[in-house]
PDB file of N, CA and C in Angstrom:
ATOM      1  N   MET A   1     175.890 172.311 142.034  1.00  0.00           N
ATOM      2  CA  MET A   1     175.304 172.026 140.471  1.00  0.00           C
ATOM      3  C   MET A   1     175.590 170.234 140.403  1.00  0.00           C
ATOM      4  N   SER A   2     174.613 169.926 139.836  1.00  0.00           N
ATOM      5  CA  SER A   2     174.744 168.373 139.643  1.00  0.00           C
ATOM      6  C   SER A   2     175.646 168.193 138.274  1.00  0.00           C
ATOM      7  N   PHE A   3     175.819 167.098 137.861  1.00  0.00           N
ATOM      8  CA  PHE A   3     176.622 166.587 136.586  1.00  0.00           C
ATOM      9  C   PHE A   3     175.857 167.147 135.533  1.00  0.00           C
ATOM     10  N   GLY A   4     174.483 166.805 135.683  1.00  0.00           N
ATOM     11  CA  GLY A   4     173.539 167.078 134.521  1.00  0.00           C
ATOM     12  C   GLY A   4     173.451 168.425 134.036  1.00  0.00           C
ATOM     13  N   ASP A   5     173.801 169.465 134.868  1.00  0.00           N
ATOM     14  CA  ASP A   5     173.846 170.858 134.821  1.00  0.00           C
ATOM     15  C   ASP A   5     174.929 171.176 133.927  1.00  0.00           C
ATOM     16  N   TYR A   6     176.226 170.545 134.257  1.00  0.00           N
ATOM     17  CA  TYR A   6     177.476 170.530 133.427  1.00  0.00           C
ATOM     18  C   TYR A   6     177.332 170.265 132.096  1.00  0.00           C
ATOM     19  N   VAL A   7     176.562 169.159 132.059  1.00  0.00           N
ATOM     20  CA  VAL A   7     176.383 168.575 130.684  1.00  0.00           C
ATOM     21  C   VAL A   7     175.675 169.565 129.880  1.00  0.00           C
ATOM     22  N   TYR A   8     174.487 170.054 130.303  1.00  0.00           N
ATOM     23  CA  TYR A   8     173.559 170.943 129.992  1.00  0.00           C
ATOM     24  C   TYR A   8     174.230 172.146 129.523  1.00  0.00           C
ATOM     25  N   ILE A   9     175.085 172.767 130.269  1.00  0.00           N
ATOM     26  CA  ILE A   9     175.868 174.099 129.769  1.00  0.00           C
ATOM     27  C   ILE A   9     176.855 173.931 128.663  1.00  0.00           C
ATOM     28  N   VAL A  10     177.515 172.693 128.876  1.00  0.00           N
ATOM     29  CA  VAL A  10     178.416 172.526 127.572  1.00  0.00           C
ATOM     30  C   VAL A  10     177.460 172.154 126.450  1.00  0.00           C
ATOM     31  N   ALA A  11     176.555 171.616 126.325  1.00  0.00           N
ATOM     32  CA  ALA A  11     175.517 171.069 125.317  1.00  0.00           C
ATOM     33  C   ALA A  11     175.135 172.639 124.653  1.00  0.00           C
ATOM     34  N   VAL A  12     174.556 173.731 125.551  1.00  0.00           N
ATOM     35  CA  VAL A  12     174.152 174.933 125.005  1.00  0.00           C
ATOM     36  C   VAL A  12     175.561 175.688 124.585  1.00  0.00           C
ATOM     37  N   ILE A  13     176.470 175.863 124.983  1.00  0.00           N
ATOM     38  CA  ILE A  13     177.612 176.307 124.585  1.00  0.00           C
ATOM     39  C   ILE A  13     178.199 175.524 123.018  1.00  0.00           C
ATOM     40  N   LEU A  14     177.988 174.450 122.925  1.00  0.00           N
ATOM     41  CA  LEU A  14     178.412 173.772 121.772  1.00  0.00           C
ATOM     42  C   LEU A  14     177.431 174.087 120.595  1.00  0.00           C
ATOM     43  N   PHE A  15     176.232 173.972 121.057  1.00  0.00           N
ATOM     44  CA  PHE A  15     175.139 174.447 119.903  1.00  0.00           C
ATOM     45  C   PHE A  15     175.087 175.796 119.600  1.00  0.00           C
ATOM     46  N   ALA A  16     175.419 176.593 120.631  1.00  0.00           N
ATOM     47  CA  ALA A  16     175.658 178.094 120.033  1.00  0.00           C
ATOM     48  C   ALA A  16     176.985 178.195 119.076  1.00  0.00           C
ATOM     49  N   TYR A  17     177.943 177.698 119.266  1.00  0.00           N
ATOM     50  CA  TYR A  17     179.228 177.574 118.535  1.00  0.00           C
ATOM     51  C   TYR A  17     178.950 177.024 117.203  1.00  0.00           C
ATOM     52  N   MET A  18     178.382 175.947 117.190  1.00  0.00           N
ATOM     53  CA  MET A  18     178.042 175.227 115.830  1.00  0.00           C
ATOM     54  C   MET A  18     176.962 176.087 115.098  1.00  0.00           C
ATOM     55  N   THR A  19     176.162 176.743 115.652  1.00  0.00           N
ATOM     56  CA  THR A  19     175.097 177.567 115.259  1.00  0.00           C
ATOM     57  C   THR A  19     175.726 178.725 114.426  1.00  0.00           C
ATOM     58  N   PHE A  20     176.801 179.338 115.168  1.00  0.00           N
ATOM     59  CA  PHE A  20     177.521 180.573 114.350  1.00  0.00           C
ATOM     60  C   PHE A  20     178.509 180.081 113.277  1.00  0.00           C
ATOM     61  N   VAL A  21     179.047 179.124 113.667  1.00  0.00           N
ATOM     62  CA  VAL A  21     179.958 178.624 112.565  1.00  0.00           C
ATOM     63  C   VAL A  21     179.239 178.258 111.168  1.00  0.00           C
ATOM     64  N   ILE A  22     178.143 177.541 111.288  1.00  0.00           N
ATOM     65  CA  ILE A  22     177.337 177.324 109.965  1.00  0.00           C
ATOM     66  C   ILE A  22     176.823 178.570 109.660  1.00  0.00           C
ATOM     67  N   ILE A  23     176.137 179.375 110.202  1.00  0.00           N
ATOM     68  CA  ILE A  23     175.878 180.880 109.589  1.00  0.00           C
ATOM     69  C   ILE A  23     176.933 181.585 109.042  1.00  0.00           C
ATOM     70  N   ARG A  24     177.950 181.750 109.793  1.00  0.00           N
ATOM     71  CA  ARG A  24     179.165 182.259 109.161  1.00  0.00           C
ATOM     72  C   ARG A  24     179.629 181.713 107.819  1.00  0.00           C
ATOM     73  N   ASN A  25     179.747 180.504 107.608  1.00  0.00           N
ATOM     74  CA  ASN A  25     180.210 179.742 106.581  1.00  0.00           C
ATOM     75  C   ASN A  25     179.003 179.770 105.168  1.00  0.00           C
ATOM     76  N   ASN A  26     177.876 179.718 105.630  1.00  0.00           N
ATOM     77  CA  ASN A  26     176.844 180.045 104.756  1.00  0.00           C
ATOM     78  C   ASN A  26     176.834 181.640 103.985  1.00  0.00           C
ATOM     79  N   PHE A  27     177.095 182.394 105.066  1.00  0.00           N
ATOM     80  CA  PHE A  27     177.205 184.051 104.523  1.00  0.00           C
ATOM     81  C   PHE A  27     178.438 183.955 103.767  1.00  0.00           C
ATOM     82  N   ARG A  28     179.581 183.460 104.223  1.00  0.00           N
ATOM     83  CA  ARG A  28     180.883 183.706 103.356  1.00  0.00           C
ATOM     84  C   ARG A  28     180.771 183.056 101.895  1.00  0.00           C
ATOM     85  N   SER A  29     179.898 181.820 101.922  1.00  0.00           N
ATOM     86  CA  SER A  29     180.003 181.147 100.413  1.00  0.00           C
ATOM     87  C   SER A  29     179.139 181.739  99.612  1.00  0.00           C
ATOM     88  N   LYS A  30     178.561 182.907  99.853  1.00  0.00           N
ATOM     89  CA  LYS A  30     177.706 183.569  98.890  1.00  0.00           C
ATOM     90  C   LYS A  30     178.301 184.785  98.133  1.00  0.00           C
ATOM     91  N   PHE A  31     179.791 184.751  98.459  1.00  0.00           N
ATOM     92  CA  PHE A  31     180.583 186.015  97.862  1.00  0.00           C
ATOM     93  C   PHE A  31     181.721 185.517  97.297  1.00  0.00           C
ATOM     94  N   ASP A  32     182.188 185.958  95.994  1.00  0.00           N
ATOM     95  CA  ASP A  32     183.384 185.483  95.394  1.00  0.00           C
ATOM     96  C   ASP A  32     184.694 186.168  95.922  1.00  0.00           C
ATOM     97  N   ALA A  33     185.844 186.148  95.185  1.00  0.00           N
ATOM     98  CA  ALA A  33     187.142 186.495  95.696  1.00  0.00           C
ATOM     99  C   ALA A  33     187.090 188.103  95.502  1.00  0.00           C
ATOM    100  N   GLN A  34     186.406 188.713  94.597  1.00  0.00           N
ATOM    101  CA  GLN A  34     186.207 190.154  94.688  1.00  0.00           C
ATOM    102  C   GLN A  34     185.201 190.765  95.753  1.00  0.00           C
ATOM    103  N   GLU A  35     184.618 189.871  96.527  1.00  0.00           N
ATOM    104  CA  GLU A  35     183.399 190.302  97.554  1.00  0.00           C
ATOM    105  C   GLU A  35     182.182 190.683  96.723  1.00  0.00           C
ATOM    106  N   ARG A  36     181.982 190.121  95.628  1.00  0.00           N
ATOM    107  CA  ARG A  36     180.927 190.298  94.989  1.00  0.00           C
ATOM    108  C   ARG A  36     179.692 189.015  95.230  1.00  0.00           C
ATOM    109  N   ARG A  37     178.493 189.485  95.220  1.00  0.00           N
ATOM    110  CA  ARG A  37     177.550 188.365  95.611  1.00  0.00           C
ATOM    111  C   ARG A  37     177.585 187.448  94.233  1.00  0.00           C
ATOM    112  N   LYS A  38     177.526 186.382  94.789  1.00  0.00           N
ATOM    113  CA  LYS A  38     177.677 185.243  93.516  1.00  0.00           C
ATOM    114  C   LYS A  38     175.830 185.136  92.873  1.00  0.00           C
ATOM    115  N   ASP A  39     175.196 185.098  93.595  1.00  0.00           N
ATOM    116  CA  ASP A  39     173.716 184.807  93.484  1.00  0.00           C
ATOM    117  C   ASP A  39     173.435 186.142  92.516  1.00  0.00           C
ATOM    118  N   LEU A  40     173.981 187.154  92.598  1.00  0.00           N
ATOM    119  CA  LEU A  40     173.609 188.552  91.830  1.00  0.00           C
ATOM    120  C   LEU A  40     174.474 188.884  90.589  1.00  0.00           C
ATOM    121  N   ALA A  41     175.465 187.536  90.283  1.00  0.00           N
ATOM    122  CA  ALA A  41     176.352 187.787  89.158  1.00  0.00           C
ATOM    123  C   ALA A  41     175.334 187.960  88.057  1.00  0.00           C
ATOM    124  N   ASP A  42     175.995 189.103  87.040  1.00  0.00           N
ATOM    125  CA  ASP A  42     175.324 188.885  85.654  1.00  0.00           C
ATOM    126  C   ASP A  42     176.305 188.379  84.554  1.00  0.00           C
ATOM    127  N   GLU A  43     175.686 187.774  83.692  1.00  0.00           N
ATOM    128  CA  GLU A  43     176.387 186.898  82.590  1.00  0.00           C
ATOM    129  C   GLU A  43     177.109 188.205  81.684  1.00  0.00           C
ATOM    130  N   TYR A  44     176.836 189.543  81.725  1.00  0.00           N
ATOM    131  CA  TYR A  44     177.485 190.402  81.066  1.00  0.00           C
ATOM    132  C   TYR A  44     178.281 191.252  81.732  1.00  0.00           C
ATOM    133  N   GLU A  45     178.539 190.791  83.014  1.00  0.00           N
ATOM    134  CA  GLU A  45     179.499 191.935  83.838  1.00  0.00           C
ATOM    135  C   GLU A  45     180.811 192.376  83.361  1.00  0.00           C
ATOM    136  N   GLU A  46     181.470 191.356  82.465  1.00  0.00           N
ATOM    137  CA  GLU A  46     182.754 191.860  81.946  1.00  0.00           C
ATOM    138  C   GLU A  46     182.485 193.123  81.343  1.00  0.00           C
ATOM    139  N   ASP A  47     181.404 193.417  80.508  1.00  0.00           N
ATOM    140  CA  ASP A  47     181.124 194.514  79.587  1.00  0.00           C
ATOM    141  C   ASP A  47     181.205 195.664  80.496  1.00  0.00           C
ATOM    142  N   TYR A  48     180.784 195.696  81.671  1.00  0.00           N
ATOM    143  CA  TYR A  48     180.645 197.041  82.221  1.00  0.00           C
ATOM    144  C   TYR A  48     181.151 196.996  83.654  1.00  0.00           C
ATOM    145  N   ILE A  49     181.985 195.900  84.166  1.00  0.00           N
ATOM    146  CA  ILE A  49     182.557 196.100  85.384  1.00  0.00           C
ATOM    147  C   ILE A  49     184.074 195.900  84.965  1.00  0.00           C
ATOM    148  N   VAL A  50     184.969 196.840  85.684  1.00  0.00           N
ATOM    149  CA  VAL A  50     186.185 196.917  85.326  1.00  0.00           C
ATOM    150  C   VAL A  50     187.210 196.860  86.762  1.00  0.00           C
ATOM    151  N   ASP A  51     187.862 195.688  86.902  1.00  0.00           N
ATOM    152  CA  ASP A  51     188.396 195.453  88.215  1.00  0.00           C
ATOM    153  C   ASP A  51     189.896 196.251  88.249  1.00  0.00           C
ATOM    154  N   LYS A  52     190.375 196.800  87.274  1.00  0.00           N
ATOM    155  CA  LYS A  52     191.697 197.391  86.912  1.00  0.00           C
ATOM    156  C   LYS A  52     191.643 198.690  87.025  1.00  0.00           C
ATOM    157  N   GLN A  53     192.763 199.244  87.526  1.00  0.00           N
ATOM    158  CA  GLN A  53     192.675 200.818  87.455  1.00  0.00           C
ATOM    159  C   GLN A  53     192.890 201.314  85.947  1.00  0.00           C
ATOM    160  N   PRO A  54     192.344 202.409  85.578  1.00  0.00           N
ATOM    161  CA  PRO A  54     192.289 202.813  84.173  1.00  0.00           C
ATOM    162  C   PRO A  54     193.944 203.084  83.898  1.00  0.00           C
ATOM    163  N   GLU A  55     194.362 202.804  82.640  1.00  0.00           N
ATOM    164  CA  GLU A  55     195.639 202.994  82.473  1.00  0.00           C
ATOM    165  C   GLU A  55     196.100 204.343  81.984  1.00  0.00           C
ATOM    166  N   SER A  56     196.817 205.183  82.460  1.00  0.00           N
ATOM    167  CA  SER A  56     197.325 206.562  81.854  1.00  0.00           C
ATOM    168  C   SER A  56     197.995 206.607  80.774  1.00  0.00           C
ATOM    169  N   LYS A  57     197.891 207.136  79.793  1.00  0.00           N
ATOM    170  CA  LYS A  57     198.580 207.512  78.616  1.00  0.00           C
ATOM    171  C   LYS A  57     199.604 208.846  78.865  1.00  0.00           C
ATOM    172  N   GLU A  58     200.921 208.320  78.879  1.00  0.00           N
ATOM    173  CA  GLU A  58     201.965 209.533  79.066  1.00  0.00           C
ATOM    174  C   GLU A  58     202.603 209.502  77.870  1.00  0.00           C
ATOM    175  N   ASP A  59     202.495 210.232  76.872  1.00  0.00           N
ATOM    176  CA  ASP A  59     203.178 210.664  75.759  1.00  0.00           C
ATOM    177  C   ASP A  59     204.145 211.792  75.819  1.00  0.00           C
TER     178      ASP A  59
END
């Protein structure tokens, strides 16, 4: 194999890796810390979504 073939193989591997990293980071940026979609957030979500466990009353 010639030197150009090795350069081509390295370029293809780097291209595939960079594409994977860009797609992965784009996907991760769409979610918040609670793993909910940022673009589907509702301005009234605190009214009906509870992140805590319900408190039990033991009297």
